[in-house]
């Protein structure tokens, strides 16, 4: 079988193998397929969209976006906002 992947994905795969996380491409793909299968059957039931066309699915009690971000989404800002929220939550525990 031949699989086409982007150069970015190829770099990620090479790094995962070179770092020792996986011994081969086959092992990495098998791990990924197993993880995908497990996510498809959460709690013994297939994960499904709440309503057909919904952009969110519920996995292990968490809502996960199942779609595409709007063009121009400020990912850096989103990551920073989430980071700040988490830091604030952690600091609350120490007060």
C-alpha atoms as a PDB file:
ATOM      1  CA  UNK A   1       0.000   0.000   0.000  1.00  0.00           C
ATOM      2  CA  UNK A   2       1.221   3.492  -0.761  1.00  0.00           C
ATOM      3  CA  UNK A   3       0.104   6.446   1.355  1.00  0.00           C
ATOM      4  CA  UNK A   4       0.647  10.084   0.422  1.00  0.00           C
ATOM      5  CA  UNK A   5       1.310  12.460   3.310  1.00  0.00           C
ATOM      6  CA  UNK A   6       2.362  16.086   3.530  1.00  0.00           C
ATOM      7  CA  UNK A   7       5.982  16.981   4.193  1.00  0.00           C
ATOM      8  CA  UNK A   8       4.903  18.346   7.585  1.00  0.00           C
ATOM      9  CA  UNK A   9       3.321  15.001   8.522  1.00  0.00           C
ATOM     10  CA  UNK A  10       6.387  13.156   7.246  1.00  0.00           C
ATOM     11  CA  UNK A  11       8.572  15.323   9.483  1.00  0.00           C
ATOM     12  CA  UNK A  12       6.360  14.561  12.497  1.00  0.00           C
ATOM     13  CA  UNK A  13       6.534  10.830  11.746  1.00  0.00           C
ATOM     14  CA  UNK A  14      10.328  10.915  11.365  1.00  0.00           C
ATOM     15  CA  UNK A  15      10.694  12.849  14.633  1.00  0.00           C
ATOM     16  CA  UNK A  16       8.464  10.362  16.475  1.00  0.00           C
ATOM     17  CA  UNK A  17      10.564   7.444  15.234  1.00  0.00           C
ATOM     18  CA  UNK A  18      13.953   9.150  15.684  1.00  0.00           C
ATOM     19  CA  UNK A  19      13.051  10.131  19.256  1.00  0.00           C
ATOM     20  CA  UNK A  20      12.308   6.503  20.080  1.00  0.00           C
ATOM     21  CA  UNK A  21       8.572   6.908  20.685  1.00  0.00           C
ATOM     22  CA  UNK A  22       7.934   4.398  17.879  1.00  0.00           C
ATOM     23  CA  UNK A  23      10.172   1.782  16.269  1.00  0.00           C
ATOM     24  CA  UNK A  24       8.679   2.035  12.794  1.00  0.00           C
ATOM     25  CA  UNK A  25       6.135   3.776  10.605  1.00  0.00           C
ATOM     26  CA  UNK A  26       3.985   0.657  10.838  1.00  0.00           C
ATOM     27  CA  UNK A  27       3.996   0.815  14.653  1.00  0.00           C
ATOM     28  CA  UNK A  28       3.064   4.514  14.597  1.00  0.00           C
ATOM     29  CA  UNK A  29       0.202   3.929  12.152  1.00  0.00           C
ATOM     30  CA  UNK A  30      -1.068   0.944  14.159  1.00  0.00           C
ATOM     31  CA  UNK A  31      -1.040   3.104  17.307  1.00  0.00           C
ATOM     32  CA  UNK A  32      -2.898   5.888  15.510  1.00  0.00           C
ATOM     33  CA  UNK A  33      -5.515   3.529  14.102  1.00  0.00           C
ATOM     34  CA  UNK A  34      -6.083   1.993  17.550  1.00  0.00           C
ATOM     35  CA  UNK A  35      -6.474   5.456  19.115  1.00  0.00           C
ATOM     36  CA  UNK A  36      -8.932   6.420  16.377  1.00  0.00           C
ATOM     37  CA  UNK A  37     -10.943   3.224  16.940  1.00  0.00           C
ATOM     38  CA  UNK A  38     -11.110   3.886  20.672  1.00  0.00           C
ATOM     39  CA  UNK A  39     -12.373   7.427  20.083  1.00  0.00           C
ATOM     40  CA  UNK A  40     -15.040   6.098  17.730  1.00  0.00           C
ATOM     41  CA  UNK A  41     -16.468   3.910  20.502  1.00  0.00           C
ATOM     42  CA  UNK A  42     -16.579   5.976  23.642  1.00  0.00           C
ATOM     43  CA  UNK A  43     -18.148   4.213  26.595  1.00  0.00           C
ATOM     44  CA  UNK A  44     -18.921   1.190  24.417  1.00  0.00           C
ATOM     45  CA  UNK A  45     -21.073   3.278  22.099  1.00  0.00           C
ATOM     46  CA  UNK A  46     -20.039   4.845  18.814  1.00  0.00           C
ATOM     47  CA  UNK A  47     -19.320   8.559  19.140  1.00  0.00           C
ATOM     48  CA  UNK A  48     -21.793  10.433  16.996  1.00  0.00           C
ATOM     49  CA  UNK A  49     -22.851  13.921  16.171  1.00  0.00           C
ATOM     50  CA  UNK A  50     -25.556  15.154  18.490  1.00  0.00           C
ATOM     51  CA  UNK A  51     -27.681  16.186  15.527  1.00  0.00           C
ATOM     52  CA  UNK A  52     -26.750  15.657  11.923  1.00  0.00           C
ATOM     53  CA  UNK A  53     -24.813  18.684  10.805  1.00  0.00           C
ATOM     54  CA  UNK A  54     -23.728  19.701  14.312  1.00  0.00           C
ATOM     55  CA  UNK A  55     -20.141  20.848  14.585  1.00  0.00           C
ATOM     56  CA  UNK A  56     -19.690  19.434  18.100  1.00  0.00           C
ATOM     57  CA  UNK A  57     -19.561  15.870  19.406  1.00  0.00           C
ATOM     58  CA  UNK A  58     -19.444  14.745  23.014  1.00  0.00           C
ATOM     59  CA  UNK A  59     -16.577  12.426  23.944  1.00  0.00           C
ATOM     60  CA  UNK A  60     -16.090  11.296  27.553  1.00  0.00           C
ATOM     61  CA  UNK A  61     -18.293  14.143  28.714  1.00  0.00           C
ATOM     62  CA  UNK A  62     -16.279  16.767  26.827  1.00  0.00           C
ATOM     63  CA  UNK A  63     -17.567  18.712  23.844  1.00  0.00           C
ATOM     64  CA  UNK A  64     -15.154  18.474  20.919  1.00  0.00           C
ATOM     65  CA  UNK A  65     -15.361  20.600  17.774  1.00  0.00           C
ATOM     66  CA  UNK A  66     -15.931  18.394  14.755  1.00  0.00           C
ATOM     67  CA  UNK A  67     -15.429  20.786  11.897  1.00  0.00           C
ATOM     68  CA  UNK A  68     -13.217  23.472  10.465  1.00  0.00           C
ATOM     69  CA  UNK A  69     -12.139  26.774  11.905  1.00  0.00           C
ATOM     70  CA  UNK A  70     -13.065  29.967  10.144  1.00  0.00           C
ATOM     71  CA  UNK A  71     -10.381  31.321   7.808  1.00  0.00           C
ATOM     72  CA  UNK A  72      -8.161  33.756   9.677  1.00  0.00           C
ATOM     73  CA  UNK A  73      -8.790  32.172  13.083  1.00  0.00           C
ATOM     74  CA  UNK A  74      -6.321  33.611  15.595  1.00  0.00           C
ATOM     75  CA  UNK A  75      -4.988  30.338  17.026  1.00  0.00           C
ATOM     76  CA  UNK A  76      -2.219  32.081  18.893  1.00  0.00           C
ATOM     77  CA  UNK A  77      -4.777  34.273  20.667  1.00  0.00           C
ATOM     78  CA  UNK A  78      -6.982  31.279  21.452  1.00  0.00           C
ATOM     79  CA  UNK A  79      -4.057  29.315  22.892  1.00  0.00           C
ATOM     80  CA  UNK A  80      -2.981  32.315  24.975  1.00  0.00           C
ATOM     81  CA  UNK A  81      -6.529  32.842  26.272  1.00  0.00           C
ATOM     82  CA  UNK A  82      -6.863  29.186  27.288  1.00  0.00           C
ATOM     83  CA  UNK A  83      -3.408  29.257  28.892  1.00  0.00           C
ATOM     84  CA  UNK A  84      -4.333  32.340  30.923  1.00  0.00           C
ATOM     85  CA  UNK A  85      -7.620  30.727  32.027  1.00  0.00           C
ATOM     86  CA  UNK A  86      -5.803  27.593  33.168  1.00  0.00           C
ATOM     87  CA  UNK A  87      -3.163  29.581  35.034  1.00  0.00           C
ATOM     88  CA  UNK A  88      -5.891  31.607  36.772  1.00  0.00           C
ATOM     89  CA  UNK A  89      -7.714  28.380  37.743  1.00  0.00           C
ATOM     90  CA  UNK A  90      -4.532  26.870  39.174  1.00  0.00           C
ATOM     91  CA  UNK A  91      -3.679  30.021  41.100  1.00  0.00           C
ATOM     92  CA  UNK A  92      -7.151  30.037  42.661  1.00  0.00           C
ATOM     93  CA  UNK A  93      -6.308  26.718  44.322  1.00  0.00           C
ATOM     94  CA  UNK A  94      -3.337  28.298  46.103  1.00  0.00           C
ATOM     95  CA  UNK A  95      -5.226  31.292  47.458  1.00  0.00           C
END
